[in-house]
């Protein structure tokens, strides 16, 4: 299992259009990718669940990746988050 922390710097937080691209990027991998925000969590491959977390600017999240391609998936997701949010 891979795990990393990320703090959202985008003024709009994790919002619809880039969140859709994030979900698309996550779906490219077979590993399970889960986002933890406070006491809530969501499957990163489900847009509505991800949006329901209501992640705002300055909020820290934890991303856990588990599966056969977890190394590549964690690297790609972390890169996407840093470049987008």
C-alpha atoms as a PDB file:
ATOM      1  CA  UNK A   1       0.000   0.000   0.000  1.00  0.00           C
ATOM      2  CA  UNK A   2       1.169   3.514  -0.877  1.00  0.00           C
ATOM      3  CA  UNK A   3       0.027   6.584   1.010  1.00  0.00           C
ATOM      4  CA  UNK A   4       0.721  10.299   0.740  1.00  0.00           C
ATOM      5  CA  UNK A   5      -0.570  13.584   2.142  1.00  0.00           C
ATOM      6  CA  UNK A   6      -1.529  16.561   0.013  1.00  0.00           C
ATOM      7  CA  UNK A   7      -2.688  20.068   0.919  1.00  0.00           C
ATOM      8  CA  UNK A   8      -5.020  21.694  -1.585  1.00  0.00           C
ATOM      9  CA  UNK A   9      -3.824  25.150  -2.668  1.00  0.00           C
ATOM     10  CA  UNK A  10      -6.394  25.877  -5.404  1.00  0.00           C
ATOM     11  CA  UNK A  11      -8.656  28.777  -4.279  1.00  0.00           C
ATOM     12  CA  UNK A  12     -11.715  26.782  -5.393  1.00  0.00           C
ATOM     13  CA  UNK A  13     -10.629  23.563  -3.671  1.00  0.00           C
ATOM     14  CA  UNK A  14     -11.284  20.343  -5.556  1.00  0.00           C
ATOM     15  CA  UNK A  15     -13.993  21.452  -7.968  1.00  0.00           C
ATOM     16  CA  UNK A  16     -15.952  19.851 -10.804  1.00  0.00           C
ATOM     17  CA  UNK A  17     -13.949  20.160 -14.027  1.00  0.00           C
ATOM     18  CA  UNK A  18     -10.487  19.254 -12.688  1.00  0.00           C
ATOM     19  CA  UNK A  19     -12.035  16.666 -10.364  1.00  0.00           C
ATOM     20  CA  UNK A  20     -13.465  14.966 -13.454  1.00  0.00           C
ATOM     21  CA  UNK A  21      -9.981  14.859 -14.958  1.00  0.00           C
ATOM     22  CA  UNK A  22      -8.618  13.480 -11.686  1.00  0.00           C
ATOM     23  CA  UNK A  23     -11.214  10.691 -11.722  1.00  0.00           C
ATOM     24  CA  UNK A  24     -10.320   9.918 -15.346  1.00  0.00           C
ATOM     25  CA  UNK A  25      -6.623   9.709 -14.428  1.00  0.00           C
ATOM     26  CA  UNK A  26      -7.394   7.423 -11.467  1.00  0.00           C
ATOM     27  CA  UNK A  27      -9.496   5.097 -13.631  1.00  0.00           C
ATOM     28  CA  UNK A  28      -6.428   4.381 -15.777  1.00  0.00           C
ATOM     29  CA  UNK A  29      -5.149   2.150 -12.932  1.00  0.00           C
ATOM     30  CA  UNK A  30      -6.533  -1.055 -11.465  1.00  0.00           C
ATOM     31  CA  UNK A  31      -5.485  -0.191  -7.904  1.00  0.00           C
ATOM     32  CA  UNK A  32      -8.019   1.040  -5.373  1.00  0.00           C
ATOM     33  CA  UNK A  33      -7.460   4.739  -4.712  1.00  0.00           C
ATOM     34  CA  UNK A  34      -9.140   6.221  -1.660  1.00  0.00           C
ATOM     35  CA  UNK A  35      -9.177   9.860  -0.549  1.00  0.00           C
ATOM     36  CA  UNK A  36      -9.519  10.677   3.145  1.00  0.00           C
ATOM     37  CA  UNK A  37     -10.626  14.198   4.098  1.00  0.00           C
ATOM     38  CA  UNK A  38     -11.256  14.675   7.796  1.00  0.00           C
ATOM     39  CA  UNK A  39     -13.605  11.928   8.945  1.00  0.00           C
ATOM     40  CA  UNK A  40     -14.900  11.201   5.418  1.00  0.00           C
ATOM     41  CA  UNK A  41     -13.457   9.144   2.593  1.00  0.00           C
ATOM     42  CA  UNK A  42     -14.287   8.413  -1.032  1.00  0.00           C
ATOM     43  CA  UNK A  43     -13.223   6.268  -3.954  1.00  0.00           C
ATOM     44  CA  UNK A  44     -11.207   8.551  -6.233  1.00  0.00           C
ATOM     45  CA  UNK A  45     -12.717   6.799  -9.247  1.00  0.00           C
ATOM     46  CA  UNK A  46     -16.235   8.071  -8.397  1.00  0.00           C
ATOM     47  CA  UNK A  47     -16.746  11.761  -9.217  1.00  0.00           C
ATOM     48  CA  UNK A  48     -19.849  12.341  -7.095  1.00  0.00           C
ATOM     49  CA  UNK A  49     -18.284  10.687  -4.059  1.00  0.00           C
ATOM     50  CA  UNK A  50     -15.141  12.804  -4.507  1.00  0.00           C
ATOM     51  CA  UNK A  51     -17.164  16.022  -4.865  1.00  0.00           C
ATOM     52  CA  UNK A  52     -19.259  15.104  -1.803  1.00  0.00           C
ATOM     53  CA  UNK A  53     -16.121  15.413   0.336  1.00  0.00           C
ATOM     54  CA  UNK A  54     -16.268  19.186  -0.224  1.00  0.00           C
ATOM     55  CA  UNK A  55     -12.488  19.625  -0.133  1.00  0.00           C
ATOM     56  CA  UNK A  56     -11.571  23.315   0.240  1.00  0.00           C
ATOM     57  CA  UNK A  57      -8.394  25.375  -0.187  1.00  0.00           C
ATOM     58  CA  UNK A  58      -5.904  24.733   2.617  1.00  0.00           C
ATOM     59  CA  UNK A  59      -7.409  21.366   3.537  1.00  0.00           C
ATOM     60  CA  UNK A  60      -5.079  18.389   3.851  1.00  0.00           C
ATOM     61  CA  UNK A  61      -6.103  15.059   2.416  1.00  0.00           C
ATOM     62  CA  UNK A  62      -4.613  11.591   2.590  1.00  0.00           C
ATOM     63  CA  UNK A  63      -4.545   9.411  -0.516  1.00  0.00           C
ATOM     64  CA  UNK A  64      -4.153   5.653  -0.114  1.00  0.00           C
ATOM     65  CA  UNK A  65      -3.417   3.454  -3.107  1.00  0.00           C
ATOM     66  CA  UNK A  66      -3.556  -0.320  -2.954  1.00  0.00           C
ATOM     67  CA  UNK A  67      -3.251  -2.833  -5.775  1.00  0.00           C
ATOM     68  CA  UNK A  68      -0.980  -4.390  -8.343  1.00  0.00           C
ATOM     69  CA  UNK A  69      -0.060  -1.086 -10.020  1.00  0.00           C
ATOM     70  CA  UNK A  70      -0.013   1.012  -6.823  1.00  0.00           C
ATOM     71  CA  UNK A  71       3.445   2.507  -7.401  1.00  0.00           C
ATOM     72  CA  UNK A  72       2.554   3.946 -10.804  1.00  0.00           C
ATOM     73  CA  UNK A  73      -0.937   4.955  -9.688  1.00  0.00           C
ATOM     74  CA  UNK A  74       0.289   6.785  -6.578  1.00  0.00           C
ATOM     75  CA  UNK A  75       2.964   8.601  -8.570  1.00  0.00           C
ATOM     76  CA  UNK A  76       0.519   9.668 -11.298  1.00  0.00           C
ATOM     77  CA  UNK A  77      -2.184  10.818  -8.876  1.00  0.00           C
ATOM     78  CA  UNK A  78       0.266  12.752  -6.715  1.00  0.00           C
ATOM     79  CA  UNK A  79       1.728  14.454  -9.807  1.00  0.00           C
ATOM     80  CA  UNK A  80      -1.762  15.362 -11.047  1.00  0.00           C
ATOM     81  CA  UNK A  81      -2.751  16.821  -7.668  1.00  0.00           C
ATOM     82  CA  UNK A  82       0.431  18.921  -7.452  1.00  0.00           C
ATOM     83  CA  UNK A  83       0.017  20.267 -10.979  1.00  0.00           C
ATOM     84  CA  UNK A  84      -3.734  20.928 -10.747  1.00  0.00           C
ATOM     85  CA  UNK A  85      -4.726  21.682  -7.169  1.00  0.00           C
END
